[in-house]
PDB file of all heavy atoms in Angstrom:
ATOM      1  N   THR A   1      34.717 -20.333   2.028  1.00  0.00           N
ATOM      2  CA  THR A   1      35.913 -19.605   1.594  1.00  0.00           C
ATOM      3  C   THR A   1      35.736 -18.090   1.666  1.00  0.00           C
ATOM      4  O   THR A   1      36.674 -17.344   1.377  1.00  0.00           O
ATOM      5  CB  THR A   1      36.263 -19.986   0.143  1.00  0.00           C
ATOM      6  OG1 THR A   1      35.169 -19.628  -0.720  1.00  0.00           O
ATOM      7  CG2 THR A   1      36.526 -21.491   0.030  1.00  0.00           C
ATOM      8  N   ASN A   2      34.509 -17.657   2.036  1.00  0.00           N
ATOM      9  CA  ASN A   2      34.183 -16.233   2.070  1.00  0.00           C
ATOM     10  C   ASN A   2      34.429 -15.558   0.721  1.00  0.00           C
ATOM     11  O   ASN A   2      34.990 -14.465   0.633  1.00  0.00           O
ATOM     12  CB  ASN A   2      34.980 -15.518   3.170  1.00  0.00           C
ATOM     13  CG  ASN A   2      34.555 -15.961   4.555  1.00  0.00           C
ATOM     14  OD1 ASN A   2      33.377 -16.145   4.827  1.00  0.00           O
ATOM     15  ND2 ASN A   2      35.528 -16.163   5.425  1.00  0.00           N
ATOM     16  N   LYS A   3      33.955 -16.235  -0.348  1.00  0.00           N
ATOM     17  CA  LYS A   3      34.140 -15.704  -1.697  1.00  0.00           C
ATOM     18  C   LYS A   3      32.813 -15.663  -2.453  1.00  0.00           C
ATOM     19  O   LYS A   3      31.980 -16.546  -2.304  1.00  0.00           O
ATOM     20  CB  LYS A   3      35.142 -16.563  -2.475  1.00  0.00           C
ATOM     21  CG  LYS A   3      36.578 -16.436  -1.993  1.00  0.00           C
ATOM     22  CD  LYS A   3      37.501 -17.259  -2.871  1.00  0.00           C
ATOM     23  CE  LYS A   3      38.967 -17.115  -2.417  1.00  0.00           C
ATOM     24  NZ  LYS A   3      39.881 -17.938  -3.258  1.00  0.00           N
ATOM     25  N   MET A   4      32.660 -14.614  -3.259  1.00  0.00           N
ATOM     26  CA  MET A   4      31.526 -14.506  -4.161  1.00  0.00           C
ATOM     27  C   MET A   4      31.834 -15.363  -5.385  1.00  0.00           C
ATOM     28  O   MET A   4      32.803 -15.113  -6.106  1.00  0.00           O
ATOM     29  CB  MET A   4      31.302 -13.060  -4.581  1.00  0.00           C
ATOM     30  CG  MET A   4      30.003 -12.802  -5.302  1.00  0.00           C
ATOM     31  SD  MET A   4      28.580 -12.760  -4.189  1.00  0.00           S
ATOM     32  CE  MET A   4      28.879 -11.193  -3.343  1.00  0.00           C
ATOM     33  N   LEU A   5      31.027 -16.381  -5.635  1.00  0.00           N
ATOM     34  CA  LEU A   5      31.257 -17.264  -6.769  1.00  0.00           C
ATOM     35  C   LEU A   5      30.627 -16.721  -8.038  1.00  0.00           C
ATOM     36  O   LEU A   5      31.080 -17.016  -9.147  1.00  0.00           O
ATOM     37  CB  LEU A   5      30.705 -18.662  -6.479  1.00  0.00           C
ATOM     38  CG  LEU A   5      31.266 -19.373  -5.251  1.00  0.00           C
ATOM     39  CD1 LEU A   5      30.684 -20.777  -5.150  1.00  0.00           C
ATOM     40  CD2 LEU A   5      32.788 -19.429  -5.302  1.00  0.00           C
ATOM     41  N   SER A   6      29.559 -15.940  -7.877  1.00  0.00           N
ATOM     42  CA  SER A   6      28.843 -15.419  -9.039  1.00  0.00           C
ATOM     43  C   SER A   6      28.001 -14.225  -8.612  1.00  0.00           C
ATOM     44  O   SER A   6      27.407 -14.243  -7.539  1.00  0.00           O
ATOM     45  CB  SER A   6      27.945 -16.521  -9.622  1.00  0.00           C
ATOM     46  OG  SER A   6      27.116 -16.023 -10.643  1.00  0.00           O
ATOM     47  N   PHE A   7      27.968 -13.190  -9.459  1.00  0.00           N
ATOM     48  CA  PHE A   7      27.069 -12.064  -9.218  1.00  0.00           C
ATOM     49  C   PHE A   7      26.707 -11.434 -10.554  1.00  0.00           C
ATOM     50  O   PHE A   7      27.583 -11.076 -11.336  1.00  0.00           O
ATOM     51  CB  PHE A   7      27.676 -11.005  -8.301  1.00  0.00           C
ATOM     52  CG  PHE A   7      26.672  -9.959  -7.885  1.00  0.00           C
ATOM     53  CD1 PHE A   7      25.839 -10.188  -6.805  1.00  0.00           C
ATOM     54  CD2 PHE A   7      26.542  -8.777  -8.594  1.00  0.00           C
ATOM     55  CE1 PHE A   7      24.884  -9.249  -6.430  1.00  0.00           C
ATOM     56  CE2 PHE A   7      25.598  -7.828  -8.223  1.00  0.00           C
ATOM     57  CZ  PHE A   7      24.768  -8.073  -7.138  1.00  0.00           C
ATOM     58  N   THR A   8      25.400 -11.316 -10.809  1.00  0.00           N
ATOM     59  CA  THR A   8      24.917 -10.772 -12.079  1.00  0.00           C
ATOM     60  C   THR A   8      23.991  -9.597 -11.816  1.00  0.00           C
ATOM     61  O   THR A   8      22.910  -9.757 -11.252  1.00  0.00           O
ATOM     62  CB  THR A   8      24.148 -11.843 -12.878  1.00  0.00           C
ATOM     63  OG1 THR A   8      24.991 -12.980 -13.073  1.00  0.00           O
ATOM     64  CG2 THR A   8      23.711 -11.293 -14.222  1.00  0.00           C
ATOM     65  N   GLY A   9      24.425  -8.419 -12.212  1.00  0.00           N
ATOM     66  CA  GLY A   9      23.592  -7.239 -12.083  1.00  0.00           C
ATOM     67  C   GLY A   9      22.749  -7.027 -13.329  1.00  0.00           C
ATOM     68  O   GLY A   9      23.006  -7.620 -14.376  1.00  0.00           O
ATOM     69  N   VAL A  10      21.721  -6.181 -13.220  1.00  0.00           N
ATOM     70  CA  VAL A  10      20.884  -5.899 -14.384  1.00  0.00           C
ATOM     71  C   VAL A  10      21.667  -5.081 -15.400  1.00  0.00           C
ATOM     72  O   VAL A  10      22.673  -4.444 -15.075  1.00  0.00           O
ATOM     73  CB  VAL A  10      19.583  -5.163 -13.985  1.00  0.00           C
ATOM     74  CG1 VAL A  10      18.792  -5.973 -12.972  1.00  0.00           C
ATOM     75  CG2 VAL A  10      19.883  -3.766 -13.442  1.00  0.00           C
ATOM     76  N   SER A  11      21.208  -5.098 -16.635  1.00  0.00           N
ATOM     77  CA  SER A  11      21.861  -4.360 -17.712  1.00  0.00           C
ATOM     78  C   SER A  11      21.621  -2.858 -17.575  1.00  0.00           C
ATOM     79  O   SER A  11      20.747  -2.409 -16.812  1.00  0.00           O
ATOM     80  CB  SER A  11      21.325  -4.834 -19.062  1.00  0.00           C
ATOM     81  OG  SER A  11      19.949  -4.488 -19.178  1.00  0.00           O
ATOM     82  N   GLU A  12      22.381  -2.082 -18.333  1.00  0.00           N
ATOM     83  CA  GLU A  12      22.176  -0.633 -18.344  1.00  0.00           C
ATOM     84  C   GLU A  12      20.769  -0.299 -18.830  1.00  0.00           C
ATOM     85  O   GLU A  12      20.121   0.615 -18.312  1.00  0.00           O
ATOM     86  CB  GLU A  12      23.222   0.033 -19.239  1.00  0.00           C
ATOM     87  CG  GLU A  12      23.117   1.560 -19.266  1.00  0.00           C
ATOM     88  CD  GLU A  12      24.183   2.216 -20.117  1.00  0.00           C
ATOM     89  OE1 GLU A  12      25.045   1.496 -20.659  1.00  0.00           O
ATOM     90  OE2 GLU A  12      24.146   3.467 -20.254  1.00  0.00           O
ATOM     91  N   ALA A  13      20.286  -1.070 -19.807  1.00  0.00           N
ATOM     92  CA  ALA A  13      18.927  -0.844 -20.321  1.00  0.00           C
ATOM     93  C   ALA A  13      17.888  -1.080 -19.228  1.00  0.00           C
ATOM     94  O   ALA A  13      16.900  -0.352 -19.118  1.00  0.00           O
ATOM     95  CB  ALA A  13      18.658  -1.767 -21.510  1.00  0.00           C
ATOM     96  N   ALA A  14      18.114  -2.098 -18.401  1.00  0.00           N
ATOM     97  CA  ALA A  14      17.189  -2.385 -17.301  1.00  0.00           C
ATOM     98  C   ALA A  14      17.263  -1.299 -16.235  1.00  0.00           C
ATOM     99  O   ALA A  14      16.235  -0.902 -15.664  1.00  0.00           O
ATOM    100  CB  ALA A  14      17.496  -3.746 -16.694  1.00  0.00           C
ATOM    101  N   GLU A  15      18.465  -0.811 -15.941  1.00  0.00           N
ATOM    102  CA  GLU A  15      18.599   0.296 -14.998  1.00  0.00           C
ATOM    103  C   GLU A  15      17.792   1.502 -15.481  1.00  0.00           C
ATOM    104  O   GLU A  15      17.071   2.130 -14.700  1.00  0.00           O
ATOM    105  CB  GLU A  15      20.072   0.685 -14.848  1.00  0.00           C
ATOM    106  CG  GLU A  15      20.926  -0.339 -14.121  1.00  0.00           C
ATOM    107  CD  GLU A  15      22.381   0.090 -14.022  1.00  0.00           C
ATOM    108  OE1 GLU A  15      22.773   1.069 -14.690  1.00  0.00           O
ATOM    109  OE2 GLU A  15      23.129  -0.559 -13.276  1.00  0.00           O
ATOM    110  N   ASN A  16      17.911   1.805 -16.765  1.00  0.00           N
ATOM    111  CA  ASN A  16      17.173   2.940 -17.321  1.00  0.00           C
ATOM    112  C   ASN A  16      15.668   2.708 -17.269  1.00  0.00           C
ATOM    113  O   ASN A  16      14.888   3.647 -17.050  1.00  0.00           O
ATOM    114  CB  ASN A  16      17.621   3.194 -18.758  1.00  0.00           C
ATOM    115  CG  ASN A  16      19.046   3.729 -18.841  1.00  0.00           C
ATOM    116  OD1 ASN A  16      19.539   4.327 -17.882  1.00  0.00           O
ATOM    117  ND2 ASN A  16      19.717   3.484 -19.954  1.00  0.00           N
ATOM    118  N   ALA A  17      15.253   1.446 -17.443  1.00  0.00           N
ATOM    119  CA  ALA A  17      13.825   1.120 -17.354  1.00  0.00           C
ATOM    120  C   ALA A  17      13.309   1.345 -15.939  1.00  0.00           C
ATOM    121  O   ALA A  17      12.194   1.845 -15.746  1.00  0.00           O
ATOM    122  CB  ALA A  17      13.592  -0.330 -17.782  1.00  0.00           C
ATOM    123  N   VAL A  18      14.113   1.007 -14.942  1.00  0.00           N
ATOM    124  CA  VAL A  18      13.734   1.234 -13.548  1.00  0.00           C
ATOM    125  C   VAL A  18      13.537   2.729 -13.298  1.00  0.00           C
ATOM    126  O   VAL A  18      12.562   3.147 -12.658  1.00  0.00           O
ATOM    127  CB  VAL A  18      14.807   0.661 -12.589  1.00  0.00           C
ATOM    128  CG1 VAL A  18      14.569   1.149 -11.164  1.00  0.00           C
ATOM    129  CG2 VAL A  18      14.806  -0.862 -12.639  1.00  0.00           C
ATOM    130  N   LEU A  19      14.461   3.531 -13.811  1.00  0.00           N
ATOM    131  CA  LEU A  19      14.352   4.981 -13.644  1.00  0.00           C
ATOM    132  C   LEU A  19      13.084   5.516 -14.301  1.00  0.00           C
ATOM    133  O   LEU A  19      12.380   6.360 -13.734  1.00  0.00           O
ATOM    134  CB  LEU A  19      15.578   5.677 -14.243  1.00  0.00           C
ATOM    135  CG  LEU A  19      16.950   5.292 -13.673  1.00  0.00           C
ATOM    136  CD1 LEU A  19      18.048   6.102 -14.357  1.00  0.00           C
ATOM    137  CD2 LEU A  19      16.998   5.513 -12.171  1.00  0.00           C
ATOM    138  N   GLU A  20      12.790   5.008 -15.487  1.00  0.00           N
ATOM    139  CA  GLU A  20      11.600   5.464 -16.212  1.00  0.00           C
ATOM    140  C   GLU A  20      10.331   5.065 -15.472  1.00  0.00           C
ATOM    141  O   GLU A  20       9.393   5.860 -15.336  1.00  0.00           O
ATOM    142  CB  GLU A  20      11.588   4.877 -17.626  1.00  0.00           C
ATOM    143  CG  GLU A  20      10.428   5.372 -18.471  1.00  0.00           C
ATOM    144  CD  GLU A  20      10.423   4.788 -19.872  1.00  0.00           C
ATOM    145  OE1 GLU A  20      11.430   4.165 -20.265  1.00  0.00           O
ATOM    146  OE2 GLU A  20       9.391   4.943 -20.564  1.00  0.00           O
ATOM    147  N   CYS A  21      10.289   3.833 -14.969  1.00  0.00           N
ATOM    148  CA  CYS A  21       9.108   3.372 -14.242  1.00  0.00           C
ATOM    149  C   CYS A  21       8.898   4.186 -12.970  1.00  0.00           C
ATOM    150  O   CYS A  21       7.764   4.559 -12.645  1.00  0.00           O
ATOM    151  CB  CYS A  21       9.245   1.887 -13.902  1.00  0.00           C
ATOM    152  SG  CYS A  21       7.792   1.187 -13.097  1.00  0.00           S
ATOM    153  N   ALA A  22       9.977   4.447 -12.252  1.00  0.00           N
ATOM    154  CA  ALA A  22       9.864   5.228 -11.015  1.00  0.00           C
ATOM    155  C   ALA A  22       9.331   6.629 -11.287  1.00  0.00           C
ATOM    156  O   ALA A  22       8.587   7.200 -10.474  1.00  0.00           O
ATOM    157  CB  ALA A  22      11.231   5.309 -10.330  1.00  0.00           C
ATOM    158  N   GLU A  23       9.672   7.188 -12.439  1.00  0.00           N
ATOM    159  CA  GLU A  23       9.186   8.517 -12.807  1.00  0.00           C
ATOM    160  C   GLU A  23       7.712   8.479 -13.180  1.00  0.00           C
ATOM    161  O   GLU A  23       6.944   9.393 -12.864  1.00  0.00           O
ATOM    162  CB  GLU A  23      10.013   9.050 -13.980  1.00  0.00           C
ATOM    163  CG  GLU A  23       9.642  10.445 -14.438  1.00  0.00           C
ATOM    164  CD  GLU A  23       9.891  11.505 -13.373  1.00  0.00           C
ATOM    165  OE1 GLU A  23      10.773  11.310 -12.518  1.00  0.00           O
ATOM    166  OE2 GLU A  23       9.182  12.542 -13.391  1.00  0.00           O
ATOM    167  N   LEU A  24       7.290   7.377 -13.819  1.00  0.00           N
ATOM    168  CA  LEU A  24       5.900   7.255 -14.255  1.00  0.00           C
ATOM    169  C   LEU A  24       4.965   6.851 -13.116  1.00  0.00           C
ATOM    170  O   LEU A  24       3.827   7.321 -13.040  1.00  0.00           O
ATOM    171  CB  LEU A  24       5.798   6.219 -15.383  1.00  0.00           C
ATOM    172  CG  LEU A  24       6.389   6.615 -16.731  1.00  0.00           C
ATOM    173  CD1 LEU A  24       6.393   5.415 -17.673  1.00  0.00           C
ATOM    174  CD2 LEU A  24       5.601   7.767 -17.340  1.00  0.00           C
ATOM    175  N   VAL A  25       5.445   5.973 -12.237  1.00  0.00           N
ATOM    176  CA  VAL A  25       4.618   5.483 -11.121  1.00  0.00           C
ATOM    177  C   VAL A  25       5.179   6.079  -9.838  1.00  0.00           C
ATOM    178  O   VAL A  25       5.887   5.429  -9.066  1.00  0.00           O
ATOM    179  CB  VAL A  25       4.614   3.935 -11.066  1.00  0.00           C
ATOM    180  CG1 VAL A  25       3.586   3.447 -10.046  1.00  0.00           C
ATOM    181  CG2 VAL A  25       4.329   3.337 -12.434  1.00  0.00           C
ATOM    182  N   LYS A  26       4.873   7.324  -9.602  1.00  0.00           N
ATOM    183  CA  LYS A  26       5.509   8.072  -8.526  1.00  0.00           C
ATOM    184  C   LYS A  26       5.133   7.566  -7.129  1.00  0.00           C
ATOM    185  O   LYS A  26       5.859   7.811  -6.163  1.00  0.00           O
ATOM    186  CB  LYS A  26       5.175   9.559  -8.643  1.00  0.00           C
ATOM    187  CG  LYS A  26       5.764  10.206  -9.893  1.00  0.00           C
ATOM    188  CD  LYS A  26       5.486  11.691  -9.922  1.00  0.00           C
ATOM    189  CE  LYS A  26       6.008  12.353 -11.177  1.00  0.00           C
ATOM    190  NZ  LYS A  26       7.471  12.280 -11.273  1.00  0.00           N
ATOM    191  N   LYS A  27       4.008   6.884  -6.996  1.00  0.00           N
ATOM    192  CA  LYS A  27       3.589   6.400  -5.682  1.00  0.00           C
ATOM    193  C   LYS A  27       4.368   5.157  -5.231  1.00  0.00           C
ATOM    194  O   LYS A  27       4.314   4.784  -4.059  1.00  0.00           O
ATOM    195  CB  LYS A  27       2.091   6.087  -5.687  1.00  0.00           C
ATOM    196  CG  LYS A  27       1.217   7.334  -5.736  1.00  0.00           C
ATOM    197  CD  LYS A  27      -0.253   6.975  -5.588  1.00  0.00           C
ATOM    198  CE  LYS A  27      -1.119   8.230  -5.570  1.00  0.00           C
ATOM    199  NZ  LYS A  27      -2.569   7.899  -5.408  1.00  0.00           N
ATOM    200  N   ALA A  28       5.076   4.524  -6.139  1.00  0.00           N
ATOM    201  CA  ALA A  28       5.863   3.337  -5.779  1.00  0.00           C
ATOM    202  C   ALA A  28       7.160   3.757  -5.100  1.00  0.00           C
ATOM    203  O   ALA A  28       7.843   4.681  -5.552  1.00  0.00           O
ATOM    204  CB  ALA A  28       6.172   2.511  -7.023  1.00  0.00           C
ATOM    205  N   GLU A  29       7.479   3.093  -4.006  1.00  0.00           N
ATOM    206  CA  GLU A  29       8.794   3.271  -3.384  1.00  0.00           C
ATOM    207  C   GLU A  29       9.766   2.297  -4.030  1.00  0.00           C
ATOM    208  O   GLU A  29       9.380   1.194  -4.441  1.00  0.00           O
ATOM    209  CB  GLU A  29       8.717   2.997  -1.883  1.00  0.00           C
ATOM    210  CG  GLU A  29       7.916   4.016  -1.106  1.00  0.00           C
ATOM    211  CD  GLU A  29       7.996   3.778   0.392  1.00  0.00           C
ATOM    212  OE1 GLU A  29       9.089   3.489   0.901  1.00  0.00           O
ATOM    213  OE2 GLU A  29       6.941   3.854   1.049  1.00  0.00           O
ATOM    214  N   VAL A  30      11.037   2.693  -4.121  1.00  0.00           N
ATOM    215  CA  VAL A  30      12.032   1.863  -4.803  1.00  0.00           C
ATOM    216  C   VAL A  30      13.258   1.657  -3.908  1.00  0.00           C
ATOM    217  O   VAL A  30      13.775   2.615  -3.325  1.00  0.00           O
ATOM    218  CB  VAL A  30      12.479   2.498  -6.137  1.00  0.00           C
ATOM    219  CG1 VAL A  30      13.457   1.582  -6.863  1.00  0.00           C
ATOM    220  CG2 VAL A  30      11.274   2.799  -7.020  1.00  0.00           C
ATOM    221  N   SER A  31      13.705   0.402  -3.837  1.00  0.00           N
ATOM    222  CA  SER A  31      14.960   0.069  -3.158  1.00  0.00           C
ATOM    223  C   SER A  31      15.825  -0.746  -4.112  1.00  0.00           C
ATOM    224  O   SER A  31      15.323  -1.632  -4.805  1.00  0.00           O
ATOM    225  CB  SER A  31      14.707  -0.730  -1.875  1.00  0.00           C
ATOM    226  OG  SER A  31      14.039   0.061  -0.911  1.00  0.00           O
ATOM    227  N   ILE A  32      17.109  -0.432  -4.133  1.00  0.00           N
ATOM    228  CA  ILE A  32      18.045  -1.101  -5.039  1.00  0.00           C
ATOM    229  C   ILE A  32      19.073  -1.873  -4.211  1.00  0.00           C
ATOM    230  O   ILE A  32      19.701  -1.329  -3.301  1.00  0.00           O
ATOM    231  CB  ILE A  32      18.752  -0.061  -5.931  1.00  0.00           C
ATOM    232  CG1 ILE A  32      17.722   0.635  -6.824  1.00  0.00           C
ATOM    233  CG2 ILE A  32      19.831  -0.720  -6.783  1.00  0.00           C
ATOM    234  CD1 ILE A  32      18.266   1.827  -7.585  1.00  0.00           C
ATOM    235  N   PHE A  33      19.232  -3.144  -4.556  1.00  0.00           N
ATOM    236  CA  PHE A  33      20.155  -4.027  -3.854  1.00  0.00           C
ATOM    237  C   PHE A  33      21.382  -4.275  -4.730  1.00  0.00           C
ATOM    238  O   PHE A  33      21.272  -4.815  -5.830  1.00  0.00           O
ATOM    239  CB  PHE A  33      19.495  -5.378  -3.563  1.00  0.00           C
ATOM    240  CG  PHE A  33      18.346  -5.334  -2.591  1.00  0.00           C
ATOM    241  CD1 PHE A  33      17.174  -4.658  -2.897  1.00  0.00           C
ATOM    242  CD2 PHE A  33      18.439  -5.979  -1.365  1.00  0.00           C
ATOM    243  CE1 PHE A  33      16.111  -4.620  -2.010  1.00  0.00           C
ATOM    244  CE2 PHE A  33      17.374  -5.950  -0.465  1.00  0.00           C
ATOM    245  CZ  PHE A  33      16.216  -5.273  -0.792  1.00  0.00           C
ATOM    246  N   THR A  34      22.552  -3.906  -4.241  1.00  0.00           N
ATOM    247  CA  THR A  34      23.797  -4.264  -4.919  1.00  0.00           C
ATOM    248  C   THR A  34      24.366  -5.494  -4.205  1.00  0.00           C
ATOM    249  O   THR A  34      23.693  -6.125  -3.385  1.00  0.00           O
ATOM    250  CB  THR A  34      24.808  -3.108  -4.875  1.00  0.00           C
ATOM    251  OG1 THR A  34      25.208  -2.854  -3.512  1.00  0.00           O
ATOM    252  CG2 THR A  34      24.203  -1.841  -5.464  1.00  0.00           C
ATOM    253  N   ASP A  35      25.610  -5.843  -4.496  1.00  0.00           N
ATOM    254  CA  ASP A  35      26.208  -7.015  -3.854  1.00  0.00           C
ATOM    255  C   ASP A  35      26.446  -6.801  -2.359  1.00  0.00           C
ATOM    256  O   ASP A  35      26.528  -7.768  -1.603  1.00  0.00           O
ATOM    257  CB  ASP A  35      27.519  -7.415  -4.541  1.00  0.00           C
ATOM    258  CG  ASP A  35      28.522  -6.267  -4.612  1.00  0.00           C
ATOM    259  OD1 ASP A  35      28.122  -5.095  -4.414  1.00  0.00           O
ATOM    260  OD2 ASP A  35      29.708  -6.540  -4.876  1.00  0.00           O
TER     261      ASP A  35
END
């Protein structure tokens, strides 16, 4: 049907945790996948 039946993104708290981790572990590369 070419329809998305379900999609669950991370919470705002998790987004902020990703930002904090990226700042602390600067050698890690980060890619973010949306829908």
